[in-house]
Amino acid sequence: MPDWKSRLVVSWEDSSGVHKVVPVDSFAPQFSLGAEVLHSIDATHIGVVYSPKSMTFSLSVKAIGDSAAQLTSLAMAGARFNLVLQETDDGTDWSFARVVLTDCVITSAAQNVSVAGAPSATFSGFSLAAMAEPKTGTASSIP
């Protein structure tokens, strides 16, 4: 069994370079692959109907560094950027070498300020393409 010693790092890329998102509370990419079973009055499971694939994400950060401000600026400008999730440190525990969401657009940004604890910011959006690169095997991409 692997002993989880490494950490995952989220970064975003644009024309000016790579920017690490710190500190990240959570990052949740979601892939909807758009396959639905086709049924008939005569029989069930007779085929499959494919609809367009979609890639969405939700990202929560502590609003105590530059990351929340930079991501808010990207959201307000409607700018496209890439999100990269990969392992840091020794890099032996996680299943993937990296997951990349390309041409991301933030669709909503919310700031949460409370009496206790650091303020946080949550960003949601979609990606026009994605790539998952496993440590062994072949990388997959959408589209």
C-alpha atoms as a PDB file:
ATOM      1  CA  MET A   1       0.000   0.000   0.000  1.00  0.00           C
ATOM      2  CA  PRO A   2       1.318   3.463  -0.812  1.00  0.00           C
ATOM      3  CA  ASP A   3       2.106   5.728   2.101  1.00  0.00           C
ATOM      4  CA  TRP A   4       0.668   9.118   1.145  1.00  0.00           C
ATOM      5  CA  LYS A   5       3.684  11.404   1.634  1.00  0.00           C
ATOM      6  CA  SER A   6       3.296  13.769  -1.289  1.00  0.00           C
ATOM      7  CA  ARG A   7       0.837  16.577  -1.879  1.00  0.00           C
ATOM      8  CA  LEU A   8      -1.181  17.670  -4.867  1.00  0.00           C
ATOM      9  CA  VAL A   9      -0.484  21.081  -6.334  1.00  0.00           C
ATOM     10  CA  VAL A  10      -2.844  23.157  -8.455  1.00  0.00           C
ATOM     11  CA  SER A  11      -1.454  25.738 -10.840  1.00  0.00           C
ATOM     12  CA  TRP A  12      -2.890  27.897 -13.580  1.00  0.00           C
ATOM     13  CA  GLU A  13      -1.173  28.875 -16.785  1.00  0.00           C
ATOM     14  CA  ASP A  14      -1.690  31.817 -19.074  1.00  0.00           C
ATOM     15  CA  SER A  15       0.434  33.763 -21.548  1.00  0.00           C
ATOM     16  CA  SER A  16       2.548  35.218 -18.722  1.00  0.00           C
ATOM     17  CA  GLY A  17       3.576  31.830 -17.294  1.00  0.00           C
ATOM     18  CA  VAL A  18       2.715  29.283 -14.608  1.00  0.00           C
ATOM     19  CA  HIS A  19       1.185  30.459 -11.314  1.00  0.00           C
ATOM     20  CA  LYS A  20       0.794  28.184  -8.294  1.00  0.00           C
ATOM     21  CA  VAL A  21      -2.574  28.381  -6.533  1.00  0.00           C
ATOM     22  CA  VAL A  22      -1.878  28.495  -2.787  1.00  0.00           C
ATOM     23  CA  PRO A  23      -3.279  27.756  -0.320  1.00  0.00           C
ATOM     24  CA  VAL A  24      -5.885  25.444  -1.904  1.00  0.00           C
ATOM     25  CA  ASP A  25      -8.677  24.068   0.259  1.00  0.00           C
ATOM     26  CA  SER A  26     -10.201  21.926  -2.474  1.00  0.00           C
ATOM     27  CA  PHE A  27     -10.149  21.341  -6.217  1.00  0.00           C
ATOM     28  CA  ALA A  28     -12.883  19.212  -7.775  1.00  0.00           C
ATOM     29  CA  PRO A  29     -12.765  18.620 -11.526  1.00  0.00           C
ATOM     30  CA  GLN A  30     -15.801  16.788 -12.912  1.00  0.00           C
ATOM     31  CA  PHE A  31     -16.064  15.040 -16.263  1.00  0.00           C
ATOM     32  CA  SER A  32     -19.494  14.328 -17.716  1.00  0.00           C
ATOM     33  CA  LEU A  33     -18.908  11.917 -20.567  1.00  0.00           C
ATOM     34  CA  GLY A  34     -22.408  12.140 -22.027  1.00  0.00           C
ATOM     35  CA  ALA A  35     -23.432   8.540 -22.581  1.00  0.00           C
ATOM     36  CA  GLU A  36     -27.034   7.544 -21.945  1.00  0.00           C
ATOM     37  CA  VAL A  37     -28.584   4.131 -22.360  1.00  0.00           C
ATOM     38  CA  LEU A  38     -31.279   3.810 -25.050  1.00  0.00           C
ATOM     39  CA  HIS A  39     -34.422   1.881 -24.205  1.00  0.00           C
ATOM     40  CA  SER A  40     -37.405   0.890 -26.308  1.00  0.00           C
ATOM     41  CA  ILE A  41     -40.930  -0.306 -25.647  1.00  0.00           C
ATOM     42  CA  ASP A  42     -39.765  -3.678 -27.010  1.00  0.00           C
ATOM     43  CA  ALA A  43     -36.529  -4.074 -25.054  1.00  0.00           C
ATOM     44  CA  THR A  44     -34.169  -2.346 -22.673  1.00  0.00           C
ATOM     45  CA  HIS A  45     -30.532  -1.461 -23.174  1.00  0.00           C
ATOM     46  CA  ILE A  46     -30.664  -1.594 -26.968  1.00  0.00           C
ATOM     47  CA  GLY A  47     -28.069   1.079 -27.547  1.00  0.00           C
ATOM     48  CA  VAL A  48     -26.411   4.241 -26.393  1.00  0.00           C
ATOM     49  CA  VAL A  49     -27.014   7.913 -27.148  1.00  0.00           C
ATOM     50  CA  TYR A  50     -23.992  10.207 -26.884  1.00  0.00           C
ATOM     51  CA  SER A  51     -24.272  13.871 -26.018  1.00  0.00           C
ATOM     52  CA  PRO A  52     -21.461  16.412 -25.839  1.00  0.00           C
ATOM     53  CA  LYS A  53     -18.900  15.871 -23.085  1.00  0.00           C
ATOM     54  CA  SER A  54     -18.425  18.549 -20.484  1.00  0.00           C
ATOM     55  CA  MET A  55     -15.686  19.360 -18.017  1.00  0.00           C
ATOM     56  CA  THR A  56     -16.427  21.543 -15.008  1.00  0.00           C
ATOM     57  CA  PHE A  57     -14.503  22.417 -11.877  1.00  0.00           C
ATOM     58  CA  SER A  58     -14.860  23.945  -8.449  1.00  0.00           C
ATOM     59  CA  LEU A  59     -11.872  25.440  -6.655  1.00  0.00           C
ATOM     60  CA  SER A  60     -11.763  26.794  -3.097  1.00  0.00           C
ATOM     61  CA  VAL A  61      -8.827  28.812  -1.794  1.00  0.00           C
ATOM     62  CA  LYS A  62      -8.011  30.787   1.317  1.00  0.00           C
ATOM     63  CA  ALA A  63      -8.149  34.479   0.422  1.00  0.00           C
ATOM     64  CA  ILE A  64      -4.890  35.264   2.217  1.00  0.00           C
ATOM     65  CA  GLY A  65      -2.477  35.373  -0.743  1.00  0.00           C
ATOM     66  CA  ASP A  66      -2.459  36.475  -4.365  1.00  0.00           C
ATOM     67  CA  SER A  67      -4.341  33.437  -5.701  1.00  0.00           C
ATOM     68  CA  ALA A  68      -7.862  34.596  -4.829  1.00  0.00           C
ATOM     69  CA  ALA A  69      -7.251  38.060  -6.304  1.00  0.00           C
ATOM     70  CA  GLN A  70      -5.647  36.686  -9.490  1.00  0.00           C
ATOM     71  CA  LEU A  71      -8.448  34.165 -10.035  1.00  0.00           C
ATOM     72  CA  THR A  72     -11.059  36.867  -9.389  1.00  0.00           C
ATOM     73  CA  SER A  73      -9.352  39.051 -12.003  1.00  0.00           C
ATOM     74  CA  LEU A  74      -9.410  36.165 -14.486  1.00  0.00           C
ATOM     75  CA  ALA A  75     -13.109  35.652 -13.761  1.00  0.00           C
ATOM     76  CA  MET A  76     -14.014  39.312 -14.204  1.00  0.00           C
ATOM     77  CA  ALA A  77     -12.022  39.552 -17.451  1.00  0.00           C
ATOM     78  CA  GLY A  78     -13.552  36.347 -18.834  1.00  0.00           C
ATOM     79  CA  ALA A  79      -9.980  35.252 -19.586  1.00  0.00           C
ATOM     80  CA  ARG A  80      -9.128  31.694 -20.622  1.00  0.00           C
ATOM     81  CA  PHE A  81      -6.447  29.792 -18.736  1.00  0.00           C
ATOM     82  CA  ASN A  82      -5.302  26.230 -18.021  1.00  0.00           C
ATOM     83  CA  LEU A  83      -5.646  24.447 -14.678  1.00  0.00           C
ATOM     84  CA  VAL A  84      -3.089  21.756 -13.849  1.00  0.00           C
ATOM     85  CA  LEU A  85      -3.341  19.258 -10.989  1.00  0.00           C
ATOM     86  CA  GLN A  86      -0.215  17.235 -10.278  1.00  0.00           C
ATOM     87  CA  GLU A  87       1.790  15.673  -7.500  1.00  0.00           C
ATOM     88  CA  THR A  88       4.586  17.463  -5.716  1.00  0.00           C
ATOM     89  CA  ASP A  89       7.331  16.199  -3.380  1.00  0.00           C
ATOM     90  CA  ASP A  90       8.296  12.563  -4.118  1.00  0.00           C
ATOM     91  CA  GLY A  91       5.459  11.954  -6.603  1.00  0.00           C
ATOM     92  CA  THR A  92       4.854   8.237  -6.007  1.00  0.00           C
ATOM     93  CA  ASP A  93       1.422   8.062  -4.392  1.00  0.00           C
ATOM     94  CA  TRP A  94      -1.166   9.511  -6.777  1.00  0.00           C
ATOM     95  CA  SER A  95      -2.460   7.540  -9.778  1.00  0.00           C
ATOM     96  CA  PHE A  96      -1.879  10.315 -12.316  1.00  0.00           C
ATOM     97  CA  ALA A  97       1.195  12.142 -13.518  1.00  0.00           C
ATOM     98  CA  ARG A  98      -1.105  15.136 -14.041  1.00  0.00           C
ATOM     99  CA  VAL A  99      -4.595  16.248 -15.016  1.00  0.00           C
ATOM    100  CA  VAL A 100      -4.898  19.326 -17.224  1.00  0.00           C
ATOM    101  CA  LEU A 101      -8.053  21.332 -17.904  1.00  0.00           C
ATOM    102  CA  THR A 102      -7.381  23.631 -20.864  1.00  0.00           C
ATOM    103  CA  ASP A 103      -9.116  26.815 -21.940  1.00  0.00           C
ATOM    104  CA  CYS A 104     -10.925  27.220 -18.611  1.00  0.00           C
ATOM    105  CA  VAL A 105     -13.417  30.003 -17.988  1.00  0.00           C
ATOM    106  CA  ILE A 106     -14.681  30.915 -14.524  1.00  0.00           C
ATOM    107  CA  THR A 107     -18.463  31.221 -14.445  1.00  0.00           C
ATOM    108  CA  SER A 108     -18.914  32.151 -10.787  1.00  0.00           C
ATOM    109  CA  ALA A 109     -16.793  33.486  -7.966  1.00  0.00           C
ATOM    110  CA  ALA A 110     -17.882  33.812  -4.343  1.00  0.00           C
ATOM    111  CA  GLN A 111     -16.019  35.298  -1.420  1.00  0.00           C
ATOM    112  CA  ASN A 112     -16.796  34.134   2.116  1.00  0.00           C
ATOM    113  CA  VAL A 113     -15.691  36.224   5.072  1.00  0.00           C
ATOM    114  CA  SER A 114     -16.466  34.999   8.579  1.00  0.00           C
ATOM    115  CA  VAL A 115     -15.684  36.164  12.078  1.00  0.00           C
ATOM    116  CA  ALA A 116     -13.487  33.115  12.746  1.00  0.00           C
ATOM    117  CA  GLY A 117     -10.792  31.821  10.428  1.00  0.00           C
ATOM    118  CA  ALA A 118      -9.335  33.104   7.200  1.00  0.00           C
ATOM    119  CA  PRO A 119     -11.616  34.365   4.434  1.00  0.00           C
ATOM    120  CA  SER A 120     -12.106  31.984   1.523  1.00  0.00           C
ATOM    121  CA  ALA A 121     -13.026  32.208  -2.139  1.00  0.00           C
ATOM    122  CA  THR A 122     -14.764  29.597  -4.277  1.00  0.00           C
ATOM    123  CA  PHE A 123     -14.544  29.568  -8.067  1.00  0.00           C
ATOM    124  CA  SER A 124     -16.585  27.446 -10.462  1.00  0.00           C
ATOM    125  CA  GLY A 125     -16.226  27.147 -14.194  1.00  0.00           C
ATOM    126  CA  PHE A 126     -15.834  24.949 -17.218  1.00  0.00           C
ATOM    127  CA  SER A 127     -13.080  23.749 -19.480  1.00  0.00           C
ATOM    128  CA  LEU A 128     -13.183  23.398 -23.261  1.00  0.00           C
ATOM    129  CA  ALA A 129     -10.744  20.459 -23.261  1.00  0.00           C
ATOM    130  CA  ALA A 130      -9.027  18.151 -20.793  1.00  0.00           C
ATOM    131  CA  MET A 131      -6.181  15.658 -20.582  1.00  0.00           C
ATOM    132  CA  ALA A 132      -5.465  12.977 -17.996  1.00  0.00           C
ATOM    133  CA  GLU A 133      -1.978  11.503 -17.967  1.00  0.00           C
ATOM    134  CA  PRO A 134      -1.654   8.325 -15.880  1.00  0.00           C
ATOM    135  CA  LYS A 135       1.717   7.296 -14.486  1.00  0.00           C
ATOM    136  CA  THR A 136       1.553   4.127 -16.589  1.00  0.00           C
ATOM    137  CA  GLY A 137      -0.441   3.619 -19.743  1.00  0.00           C
ATOM    138  CA  THR A 138      -1.733   6.017 -22.326  1.00  0.00           C
ATOM    139  CA  ALA A 139      -2.904   9.572 -21.757  1.00  0.00           C
ATOM    140  CA  SER A 140      -6.530  10.389 -22.616  1.00  0.00           C
ATOM    141  CA  SER A 141      -7.966  13.665 -23.764  1.00  0.00           C
ATOM    142  CA  ILE A 142     -11.303  15.321 -24.430  1.00  0.00           C
ATOM    143  CA  PRO A 143     -12.081  16.184 -27.209  1.00  0.00           C
END
